[in-house]
N, C-alpha and C. Protein backbone atom coordinates (compact mmCIF):
# COMPACT_ATOMS: atom_id res chain seq x y z
N UNK A 1 4.81 -5.14 29.16
CA UNK A 1 5.86 -5.69 27.92
C UNK A 1 6.50 -6.85 29.06
N UNK A 2 6.79 -8.05 28.88
CA UNK A 2 7.37 -9.04 29.55
C UNK A 2 8.58 -9.49 28.84
N UNK A 3 9.57 -8.50 27.97
CA UNK A 3 10.22 -9.19 27.18
C UNK A 3 11.55 -8.93 28.28
N UNK A 4 12.54 -9.82 28.05
CA UNK A 4 13.64 -10.00 29.06
C UNK A 4 14.43 -8.50 28.43
N UNK A 5 15.66 -8.18 29.23
CA UNK A 5 16.09 -6.95 29.27
C UNK A 5 16.72 -7.00 28.10
N UNK A 6 17.61 -8.09 28.11
CA UNK A 6 18.57 -7.87 26.75
C UNK A 6 17.97 -7.91 25.23
N UNK A 7 16.44 -8.51 25.37
CA UNK A 7 15.64 -7.65 24.28
C UNK A 7 15.25 -6.53 24.21
N UNK A 8 14.84 -6.02 25.01
CA UNK A 8 14.69 -4.79 25.23
C UNK A 8 15.69 -3.55 24.79
N UNK A 9 16.70 -3.97 25.00
CA UNK A 9 18.21 -3.35 25.06
C UNK A 9 18.20 -3.24 23.30
N UNK A 10 18.29 -4.21 22.64
CA UNK A 10 18.15 -4.30 21.05
C UNK A 10 17.27 -3.91 20.38
N UNK A 11 16.19 -3.77 20.97
CA UNK A 11 15.05 -3.18 20.34
C UNK A 11 15.18 -1.49 20.49
N UNK A 12 15.81 -1.09 21.51
CA UNK A 12 15.92 0.31 21.99
C UNK A 12 16.89 0.46 20.73
N UNK A 13 18.24 -0.37 20.44
CA UNK A 13 19.03 0.40 19.39
C UNK A 13 18.62 0.16 18.22
N UNK A 14 17.58 -0.74 17.35
CA UNK A 14 16.92 -0.67 16.42
C UNK A 14 16.19 0.75 16.39
N UNK A 15 15.24 0.90 17.38
CA UNK A 15 14.65 2.20 17.05
C UNK A 15 15.18 3.47 17.24
N UNK A 16 15.88 3.57 17.88
CA UNK A 16 16.88 5.09 17.60
C UNK A 16 17.75 4.83 16.35
N UNK A 17 18.22 3.66 16.15
CA UNK A 17 19.11 3.58 14.54
C UNK A 17 18.16 4.12 13.42
N UNK A 18 16.82 3.13 13.25
CA UNK A 18 15.69 3.73 12.58
C UNK A 18 15.36 4.80 12.17
N UNK A 19 15.35 5.65 13.50
CA UNK A 19 14.93 7.21 13.34
C UNK A 19 16.16 8.02 12.64
N UNK A 20 17.71 7.79 13.03
CA UNK A 20 18.26 8.31 12.19
C UNK A 20 18.50 7.79 10.95
N UNK A 21 18.45 6.68 10.61
CA UNK A 21 18.08 6.46 9.19
C UNK A 21 17.27 7.54 8.55
N UNK A 22 15.87 7.31 9.18
CA UNK A 22 14.70 8.37 8.48
C UNK A 22 15.14 9.57 8.70
N UNK A 23 15.83 10.05 9.18
CA UNK A 23 16.37 11.46 9.06
C UNK A 23 17.17 11.92 8.06
N UNK A 24 18.42 10.69 7.60
CA UNK A 24 19.40 10.96 6.85
C UNK A 24 18.30 10.52 5.32
N UNK A 25 17.14 10.21 5.30
CA UNK A 25 16.76 9.70 4.50
C UNK A 25 15.82 10.84 3.97
N UNK A 26 15.33 11.70 4.81
CA UNK A 26 14.83 13.29 4.37
C UNK A 26 15.96 14.06 4.24
N UNK A 27 16.95 13.97 4.53
CA UNK A 27 17.56 14.91 3.93
C UNK A 27 18.37 14.57 2.56
N UNK A 28 18.39 13.13 2.13
CA UNK A 28 18.30 12.73 0.51
C UNK A 28 17.30 13.39 0.01
N UNK A 29 16.34 13.13 0.66
CA UNK A 29 14.80 13.87 -0.14
C UNK A 29 14.91 15.12 -0.51
N UNK A 30 15.37 16.05 0.47
CA UNK A 30 15.40 17.10 -0.07
C UNK A 30 16.34 17.72 -0.71
N UNK A 31 17.50 16.55 -1.14
CA UNK A 31 18.56 17.19 -1.77
C UNK A 31 18.49 16.77 -3.02
N UNK A 32 17.26 15.92 -3.52
CA UNK A 32 16.92 15.15 -4.93
C UNK A 32 17.46 14.00 -4.94
N UNK A 33 18.02 13.28 -3.87
CA UNK A 33 18.62 12.03 -4.24
C UNK A 33 17.88 10.68 -4.50
N UNK A 34 16.78 10.77 -5.49
CA UNK A 34 16.12 9.74 -5.67
C UNK A 34 16.93 8.98 -6.50
N UNK A 35 17.13 7.74 -6.28
CA UNK A 35 15.75 6.73 -5.16
C UNK A 35 16.51 6.10 -3.78
N UNK A 36 17.87 6.81 -3.95
CA UNK A 36 18.51 6.75 -2.70
C UNK A 36 17.56 7.17 -1.31
N UNK A 37 16.94 8.19 -1.48
CA UNK A 37 16.42 8.65 0.13
C UNK A 37 15.08 7.35 -0.19
N UNK A 38 14.33 7.18 -1.13
CA UNK A 38 13.32 6.18 -0.89
C UNK A 38 13.98 4.87 -0.27
N UNK A 39 14.81 4.06 -0.88
CA UNK A 39 15.76 3.22 -0.37
C UNK A 39 16.05 3.01 1.30
N UNK A 40 16.68 4.17 1.25
CA UNK A 40 17.26 4.44 3.09
C UNK A 40 15.88 4.56 3.80
N UNK A 41 14.70 5.39 3.19
CA UNK A 41 13.42 5.38 3.93
C UNK A 41 12.89 4.01 4.58
N UNK A 42 13.27 2.86 3.54
CA UNK A 42 12.26 2.04 3.63
C UNK A 42 13.27 1.00 4.57
N UNK A 43 14.31 1.16 4.99
CA UNK A 43 15.07 0.62 5.62
C UNK A 43 14.94 1.04 6.84
N UNK A 44 14.57 2.59 7.23
CA UNK A 44 14.47 2.79 8.74
C UNK A 44 12.76 2.31 8.98
N UNK A 45 12.07 2.20 7.64
CA UNK A 45 10.84 1.96 8.08
C UNK A 45 10.82 0.41 8.38
N UNK A 46 11.57 -0.43 7.83
CA UNK A 46 11.76 -2.06 8.02
C UNK A 46 11.84 -1.98 9.71
N UNK A 47 12.91 -0.99 10.00
CA UNK A 47 13.49 -1.30 11.72
C UNK A 47 12.22 -1.05 12.55
N UNK A 48 11.47 0.25 12.14
CA UNK A 48 10.02 0.32 12.92
C UNK A 48 9.11 -0.18 12.97
N UNK A 49 8.75 -1.27 11.50
CA UNK A 49 8.05 -1.97 11.96
C UNK A 49 8.53 -3.44 12.59
N UNK A 50 9.55 -3.31 12.49
CA UNK A 50 10.43 -4.59 13.79
C UNK A 50 9.91 -4.33 14.92
N UNK A 51 10.10 -3.42 15.45
CA UNK A 51 10.00 -2.13 16.94
C UNK A 51 8.54 -2.43 17.29
N UNK A 52 7.54 -1.90 16.18
CA UNK A 52 6.16 -2.04 16.32
C UNK A 52 5.29 -3.53 16.81
N UNK A 53 6.12 -4.42 15.83
CA UNK A 53 5.93 -5.93 16.21
C UNK A 53 6.10 -6.20 17.54
N UNK A 54 7.39 -6.13 17.93
CA UNK A 54 7.74 -6.83 18.96
C UNK A 54 7.39 -6.19 20.38
N UNK A 55 6.92 -4.71 20.12
CA UNK A 55 6.27 -4.02 21.11
C UNK A 55 4.86 -4.37 21.10
N UNK A 56 4.24 -4.77 19.98
CA UNK A 56 2.63 -5.11 20.15
C UNK A 56 2.00 -3.61 19.68
N UNK A 57 2.48 -2.83 19.03
CA UNK A 57 1.97 -1.27 18.83
C UNK A 57 1.50 -1.09 17.37
N UNK A 58 0.29 -1.48 17.20
CA UNK A 58 -0.10 -1.42 16.08
C UNK A 58 -0.20 0.02 15.30
N UNK A 59 -0.37 1.15 16.06
CA UNK A 59 0.03 2.35 15.57
C UNK A 59 1.48 2.37 14.84
N UNK A 60 2.10 1.66 15.60
CA UNK A 60 3.73 2.28 14.80
C UNK A 60 3.72 1.62 13.28
N UNK A 61 3.36 0.36 13.34
CA UNK A 61 3.20 -0.48 12.11
C UNK A 61 1.95 0.25 11.29
N UNK A 62 1.44 0.80 11.62
CA UNK A 62 0.24 1.22 10.76
C UNK A 62 0.78 2.52 10.24
N UNK A 63 1.68 3.07 10.66
CA UNK A 63 2.65 4.20 9.97
C UNK A 63 3.70 4.04 8.90
N UNK A 64 4.54 2.86 9.59
CA UNK A 64 5.28 2.57 8.66
C UNK A 64 4.86 1.50 7.62
N UNK A 65 4.16 0.75 7.68
CA UNK A 65 4.09 -0.58 6.84
C UNK A 65 3.24 -0.02 5.39
N UNK A 66 2.62 0.91 5.09
CA UNK A 66 1.70 1.29 3.98
C UNK A 66 3.08 2.36 3.11
N UNK A 67 4.16 2.18 3.97
CA UNK A 67 5.02 3.26 3.20
C UNK A 67 5.69 2.38 2.05
N UNK A 68 5.68 0.87 2.16
CA UNK A 68 6.41 -0.10 1.30
C UNK A 68 5.39 0.27 0.09
N UNK A 69 3.75 0.41 0.57
CA UNK A 69 2.90 0.33 -0.96
C UNK A 69 3.10 1.71 -1.72
N UNK A 70 3.48 2.51 -0.81
CA UNK A 70 3.43 3.74 -1.87
C UNK A 70 5.23 3.87 -2.14
N UNK A 71 6.41 3.41 -1.86
CA UNK A 71 6.96 3.86 -2.37
C UNK A 71 7.46 2.98 -3.39
N UNK A 72 7.72 1.77 -3.31
CA UNK A 72 7.96 0.66 -4.32
C UNK A 72 7.22 0.60 -5.79
N UNK A 73 5.93 0.89 -5.41
CA UNK A 73 5.30 0.89 -6.79
C UNK A 73 5.75 2.39 -7.85
N UNK A 74 6.10 3.62 -6.86
CA UNK A 74 6.53 4.98 -7.26
C UNK A 74 8.08 4.69 -8.21
N UNK A 75 8.79 3.82 -7.29
CA UNK A 75 10.17 3.34 -7.49
C UNK A 75 10.02 2.71 -9.01
N UNK A 76 9.18 1.88 -9.33
CA UNK A 76 8.69 0.99 -10.53
C UNK A 76 8.29 2.18 -11.40
N UNK A 77 7.47 2.83 -11.10
CA UNK A 77 6.93 3.83 -12.12
C UNK A 77 8.09 4.89 -12.92
N UNK A 78 8.68 5.09 -11.59
CA UNK A 78 9.87 5.80 -12.07
C UNK A 78 10.89 5.13 -13.07
N UNK A 79 11.10 4.45 -12.70
CA UNK A 79 12.76 3.67 -13.03
C UNK A 79 12.78 2.60 -14.28
N UNK A 80 11.42 1.68 -14.05
CA UNK A 80 11.05 0.85 -15.01
C UNK A 80 10.26 0.73 -15.82
N UNK A 81 9.38 2.16 -16.28
CA UNK A 81 8.16 1.61 -16.76
C UNK A 81 8.35 3.00 -17.80
């Protein structure tokens, strides 16, 4: 990885912030706070997708990108249909 140090610093901040956000989403999920848990999950997943892109780490992207294809249609089905 040939990124400047400042770029690495902001990526690390996004990585850990996204990890904490996903943990908070899991707490909301267990508490039954839908759709807030799903919305928070997508915020955290967005951060991880960005980190995976910047690190050229396809496994991270493969884990988090499909979550949008799972969460969004289910929220539409639950709340709009």
